Amino acid sequence: MNVLFICNQNQNRSKTAEELFKGSFATRSAGLYNEHPVTEKQMDWADTIVVMEDNQRAELARRFPNLYLQKQILSLDIPDVYSYQQADLVLLLKSKVAEVLS
């Protein structure tokens, strides 16, 4: 399964998730508000898209209305308060991803 993890900047949450789950899925990550925001090609590649916050799901719907309807988009509800590979973030990602992708 191809899983695309998305957060605001693709520096902490989604980048950590991409690396954490690359042994379980084909993973990539992207940001919404960084220098190179998520593209239609990245969205098309993904079987499942995992956002960190509900407002990111809404932003994807606004930017990619046709693809949005074709994709399974799941929200983990993880706030932007963690740093890259932070132990608390890793534990939270493992728990939340097990809930939504098992």
N, C-alpha and C. Protein backbone atom coordinates (compact mmCIF):
# COMPACT_ATOMS: atom_id res chain seq x y z
N MET A 1 0.85 -1.18 0.00
CA MET A 1 0.00 0.00 0.00
C MET A 1 0.89 1.24 0.00
N ASN A 2 0.58 2.20 -0.84
CA ASN A 2 1.28 3.48 -0.91
C ASN A 2 0.61 4.48 0.03
N VAL A 3 1.38 4.96 1.01
CA VAL A 3 0.83 5.88 2.00
C VAL A 3 1.60 7.20 1.94
N LEU A 4 0.86 8.27 1.75
CA LEU A 4 1.42 9.63 1.73
C LEU A 4 1.04 10.32 3.03
N PHE A 5 2.05 10.72 3.80
CA PHE A 5 1.82 11.46 5.04
C PHE A 5 1.99 12.95 4.77
N ILE A 6 1.04 13.74 5.26
CA ILE A 6 1.05 15.18 4.99
C ILE A 6 0.90 15.96 6.29
N CYS A 7 1.73 17.00 6.43
CA CYS A 7 1.56 17.98 7.51
C CYS A 7 1.80 19.37 6.91
N ASN A 8 1.98 20.35 7.74
CA ASN A 8 2.11 21.72 7.23
C ASN A 8 3.41 21.97 6.46
N GLN A 9 4.54 21.65 7.07
CA GLN A 9 5.84 21.97 6.48
C GLN A 9 6.65 20.76 6.01
N ASN A 10 6.22 19.56 6.34
CA ASN A 10 6.96 18.33 6.04
C ASN A 10 8.35 18.36 6.67
N GLN A 11 8.38 18.80 7.91
CA GLN A 11 9.66 18.82 8.63
C GLN A 11 9.64 17.90 9.84
N ASN A 12 8.53 17.80 10.52
CA ASN A 12 8.50 17.06 11.77
C ASN A 12 7.56 15.86 11.72
N ARG A 13 6.26 16.10 11.72
CA ARG A 13 5.29 15.01 11.83
C ARG A 13 5.28 14.09 10.62
N SER A 14 5.07 14.62 9.44
CA SER A 14 4.96 13.75 8.26
C SER A 14 6.30 13.12 7.90
N LYS A 15 7.38 13.84 8.08
CA LYS A 15 8.71 13.29 7.80
C LYS A 15 9.02 12.15 8.77
N THR A 16 8.69 12.32 10.04
CA THR A 16 8.88 11.25 11.02
C THR A 16 8.03 10.04 10.65
N ALA A 17 6.78 10.26 10.28
CA ALA A 17 5.88 9.15 9.90
C ALA A 17 6.39 8.41 8.67
N GLU A 18 6.85 9.15 7.68
CA GLU A 18 7.38 8.52 6.47
C GLU A 18 8.50 7.54 6.82
N GLU A 19 9.43 7.96 7.65
CA GLU A 19 10.56 7.11 8.00
C GLU A 19 10.15 5.98 8.95
N LEU A 20 9.23 6.26 9.85
CA LEU A 20 8.81 5.29 10.84
C LEU A 20 8.09 4.09 10.21
N PHE A 21 7.29 4.33 9.17
CA PHE A 21 6.46 3.27 8.59
C PHE A 21 6.94 2.76 7.24
N LYS A 22 8.14 3.14 6.83
CA LYS A 22 8.61 2.70 5.51
C LYS A 22 8.85 1.20 5.43
N GLY A 23 8.96 0.53 6.56
CA GLY A 23 9.09 -0.92 6.54
C GLY A 23 7.75 -1.63 6.40
N SER A 24 6.67 -0.93 6.71
CA SER A 24 5.33 -1.53 6.67
C SER A 24 4.57 -1.19 5.39
N PHE A 25 4.87 -0.03 4.82
CA PHE A 25 4.18 0.47 3.63
C PHE A 25 5.21 1.13 2.71
N ALA A 26 4.80 1.39 1.49
CA ALA A 26 5.58 2.29 0.63
C ALA A 26 5.18 3.70 1.08
N THR A 27 6.10 4.46 1.60
CA THR A 27 5.76 5.76 2.20
C THR A 27 6.46 6.92 1.51
N ARG A 28 5.76 8.04 1.54
CA ARG A 28 6.30 9.33 1.13
C ARG A 28 5.68 10.37 2.05
N SER A 29 6.26 11.55 2.05
CA SER A 29 5.69 12.63 2.85
C SER A 29 5.74 13.93 2.07
N ALA A 30 4.88 14.85 2.48
CA ALA A 30 4.81 16.15 1.82
C ALA A 30 4.24 17.16 2.80
N GLY A 31 4.42 18.42 2.44
CA GLY A 31 3.86 19.51 3.23
C GLY A 31 2.86 20.29 2.41
N LEU A 32 2.07 21.07 3.09
CA LEU A 32 1.09 21.92 2.41
C LEU A 32 1.59 23.35 2.22
N TYR A 33 2.41 23.82 3.13
CA TYR A 33 2.76 25.24 3.14
C TYR A 33 4.26 25.46 3.10
N ASN A 34 5.00 24.57 2.48
CA ASN A 34 6.44 24.72 2.39
C ASN A 34 6.84 25.17 0.99
N GLU A 35 8.14 25.17 0.74
CA GLU A 35 8.66 25.66 -0.54
C GLU A 35 8.20 24.81 -1.72
N HIS A 36 8.05 23.51 -1.49
CA HIS A 36 7.60 22.58 -2.53
C HIS A 36 6.37 21.82 -2.02
N PRO A 37 5.19 22.44 -2.07
CA PRO A 37 3.99 21.80 -1.50
C PRO A 37 3.57 20.54 -2.26
N VAL A 38 2.75 19.75 -1.61
CA VAL A 38 2.27 18.51 -2.17
C VAL A 38 1.72 18.73 -3.58
N THR A 39 1.99 17.76 -4.44
CA THR A 39 1.59 17.89 -5.85
C THR A 39 0.49 16.90 -6.20
N GLU A 40 -0.12 17.13 -7.32
CA GLU A 40 -1.13 16.21 -7.82
C GLU A 40 -0.52 14.84 -8.09
N LYS A 41 0.71 14.82 -8.56
CA LYS A 41 1.41 13.55 -8.83
C LYS A 41 1.60 12.75 -7.53
N GLN A 42 1.97 13.42 -6.46
CA GLN A 42 2.12 12.73 -5.17
C GLN A 42 0.78 12.19 -4.69
N MET A 43 -0.26 13.00 -4.83
CA MET A 43 -1.60 12.57 -4.42
C MET A 43 -2.04 11.36 -5.24
N ASP A 44 -1.78 11.40 -6.52
CA ASP A 44 -2.18 10.31 -7.41
C ASP A 44 -1.45 9.01 -7.06
N TRP A 45 -0.19 9.10 -6.65
CA TRP A 45 0.61 7.93 -6.29
C TRP A 45 0.02 7.18 -5.09
N ALA A 46 -0.54 7.91 -4.16
CA ALA A 46 -0.97 7.35 -2.88
C ALA A 46 -2.27 6.56 -2.98
N ASP A 47 -2.27 5.41 -2.30
CA ASP A 47 -3.52 4.68 -2.09
C ASP A 47 -4.28 5.30 -0.92
N THR A 48 -3.52 5.68 0.09
CA THR A 48 -4.08 6.29 1.30
C THR A 48 -3.26 7.52 1.63
N ILE A 49 -3.96 8.58 2.01
CA ILE A 49 -3.31 9.83 2.41
C ILE A 49 -3.63 10.05 3.88
N VAL A 50 -2.59 10.30 4.66
CA VAL A 50 -2.75 10.50 6.09
C VAL A 50 -2.32 11.93 6.42
N VAL A 51 -3.28 12.72 6.90
CA VAL A 51 -2.97 14.08 7.33
C VAL A 51 -2.87 14.10 8.85
N MET A 52 -2.19 15.10 9.36
CA MET A 52 -1.99 15.19 10.81
C MET A 52 -3.12 15.94 11.51
N GLU A 53 -3.83 16.82 10.77
CA GLU A 53 -4.91 17.61 11.35
C GLU A 53 -6.07 17.70 10.35
N ASP A 54 -7.28 17.83 10.86
CA ASP A 54 -8.47 17.89 9.99
C ASP A 54 -8.43 19.06 9.01
N ASN A 55 -7.87 20.19 9.42
CA ASN A 55 -7.84 21.34 8.51
C ASN A 55 -6.97 21.05 7.28
N GLN A 56 -6.02 20.14 7.40
CA GLN A 56 -5.20 19.75 6.25
C GLN A 56 -6.02 18.95 5.25
N ARG A 57 -6.94 18.16 5.74
CA ARG A 57 -7.85 17.43 4.85
C ARG A 57 -8.69 18.41 4.04
N ALA A 58 -9.18 19.44 4.70
CA ALA A 58 -9.98 20.47 4.02
C ALA A 58 -9.15 21.20 2.97
N GLU A 59 -7.90 21.45 3.27
CA GLU A 59 -7.02 22.12 2.31
C GLU A 59 -6.77 21.24 1.10
N LEU A 60 -6.61 19.94 1.30
CA LEU A 60 -6.46 19.03 0.17
C LEU A 60 -7.71 19.03 -0.71
N ALA A 61 -8.87 19.07 -0.09
CA ALA A 61 -10.13 19.11 -0.84
C ALA A 61 -10.20 20.38 -1.69
N ARG A 62 -9.71 21.48 -1.13
CA ARG A 62 -9.73 22.75 -1.86
C ARG A 62 -8.74 22.72 -3.03
N ARG A 63 -7.56 22.19 -2.81
CA ARG A 63 -6.52 22.20 -3.85
C ARG A 63 -6.72 21.12 -4.92
N PHE A 64 -7.22 19.98 -4.52
CA PHE A 64 -7.33 18.83 -5.42
C PHE A 64 -8.73 18.21 -5.35
N PRO A 65 -9.76 18.95 -5.75
CA PRO A 65 -11.13 18.45 -5.54
C PRO A 65 -11.43 17.12 -6.22
N ASN A 66 -10.91 16.89 -7.40
CA ASN A 66 -11.19 15.64 -8.10
C ASN A 66 -10.46 14.46 -7.47
N LEU A 67 -9.20 14.62 -7.18
CA LEU A 67 -8.43 13.54 -6.54
C LEU A 67 -8.92 13.27 -5.13
N TYR A 68 -9.31 14.32 -4.45
CA TYR A 68 -9.77 14.19 -3.06
C TYR A 68 -10.91 13.18 -2.95
N LEU A 69 -11.82 13.21 -3.89
CA LEU A 69 -12.97 12.31 -3.86
C LEU A 69 -12.59 10.87 -4.17
N GLN A 70 -11.44 10.66 -4.78
CA GLN A 70 -11.02 9.32 -5.18
C GLN A 70 -10.13 8.64 -4.14
N LYS A 71 -9.70 9.38 -3.14
CA LYS A 71 -8.71 8.88 -2.20
C LYS A 71 -9.27 8.66 -0.81
N GLN A 72 -8.69 7.70 -0.12
CA GLN A 72 -8.98 7.53 1.30
C GLN A 72 -8.05 8.50 2.03
N ILE A 73 -8.64 9.47 2.73
CA ILE A 73 -7.85 10.46 3.46
C ILE A 73 -8.21 10.36 4.94
N LEU A 74 -7.20 10.04 5.74
CA LEU A 74 -7.40 9.82 7.16
C LEU A 74 -6.69 10.90 7.96
N SER A 75 -7.29 11.32 9.06
CA SER A 75 -6.67 12.33 9.92
C SER A 75 -6.26 11.69 11.24
N LEU A 76 -5.03 11.99 11.66
CA LEU A 76 -4.52 11.45 12.92
C LEU A 76 -4.77 12.38 14.11
N ASP A 77 -5.13 13.61 13.85
CA ASP A 77 -5.39 14.58 14.91
C ASP A 77 -4.17 14.74 15.83
N ILE A 78 -3.03 15.01 15.21
CA ILE A 78 -1.78 15.23 15.94
C ILE A 78 -1.38 16.70 15.74
N PRO A 79 -1.37 17.49 16.81
CA PRO A 79 -1.06 18.92 16.67
C PRO A 79 0.40 19.17 16.32
N ASP A 80 0.66 20.34 15.83
CA ASP A 80 2.00 20.73 15.39
C ASP A 80 2.82 21.26 16.57
N VAL A 81 3.11 20.38 17.52
CA VAL A 81 3.86 20.77 18.72
C VAL A 81 5.07 19.86 18.94
N TYR A 82 5.37 19.00 17.97
CA TYR A 82 6.44 18.02 18.14
C TYR A 82 7.60 18.34 17.21
N SER A 83 8.77 17.86 17.59
CA SER A 83 9.93 18.02 16.72
C SER A 83 10.21 16.69 16.01
N TYR A 84 11.05 16.75 15.02
CA TYR A 84 11.39 15.60 14.19
C TYR A 84 11.93 14.46 15.05
N GLN A 85 11.34 13.27 14.90
CA GLN A 85 11.73 12.05 15.59
C GLN A 85 11.62 12.13 17.12
N GLN A 86 10.88 13.11 17.63
CA GLN A 86 10.68 13.22 19.08
C GLN A 86 10.01 11.94 19.59
N ALA A 87 10.50 11.43 20.71
CA ALA A 87 10.01 10.15 21.24
C ALA A 87 8.49 10.15 21.44
N ASP A 88 7.93 11.23 21.97
CA ASP A 88 6.47 11.32 22.17
C ASP A 88 5.73 11.26 20.84
N LEU A 89 6.29 11.89 19.82
CA LEU A 89 5.67 11.88 18.49
C LEU A 89 5.71 10.46 17.91
N VAL A 90 6.81 9.78 18.05
CA VAL A 90 6.93 8.41 17.54
C VAL A 90 5.89 7.50 18.18
N LEU A 91 5.75 7.59 19.50
CA LEU A 91 4.75 6.77 20.20
C LEU A 91 3.34 7.10 19.74
N LEU A 92 3.05 8.37 19.61
CA LEU A 92 1.72 8.80 19.17
C LEU A 92 1.43 8.34 17.74
N LEU A 93 2.40 8.48 16.86
CA LEU A 93 2.21 8.02 15.48
C LEU A 93 1.96 6.51 15.43
N LYS A 94 2.74 5.74 16.18
CA LYS A 94 2.53 4.28 16.19
C LYS A 94 1.12 3.93 16.64
N SER A 95 0.66 4.59 17.66
CA SER A 95 -0.67 4.31 18.20
C SER A 95 -1.76 4.71 17.22
N LYS A 96 -1.67 5.93 16.69
CA LYS A 96 -2.72 6.44 15.80
C LYS A 96 -2.76 5.70 14.47
N VAL A 97 -1.60 5.41 13.91
CA VAL A 97 -1.57 4.71 12.63
C VAL A 97 -2.08 3.28 12.79
N ALA A 98 -1.80 2.65 13.91
CA ALA A 98 -2.34 1.31 14.17
C ALA A 98 -3.86 1.35 14.21
N GLU A 99 -4.45 2.41 14.70
CA GLU A 99 -5.91 2.56 14.75
C GLU A 99 -6.52 2.70 13.37
N VAL A 100 -5.89 3.48 12.50
CA VAL A 100 -6.52 3.81 11.23
C VAL A 100 -6.08 2.94 10.05
N LEU A 101 -4.92 2.30 10.16
CA LEU A 101 -4.42 1.51 9.02
C LEU A 101 -4.28 0.03 9.34
N SER A 102 -4.97 -0.46 10.36
CA SER A 102 -4.83 -1.88 10.67
C SER A 102 -5.92 -2.70 10.03
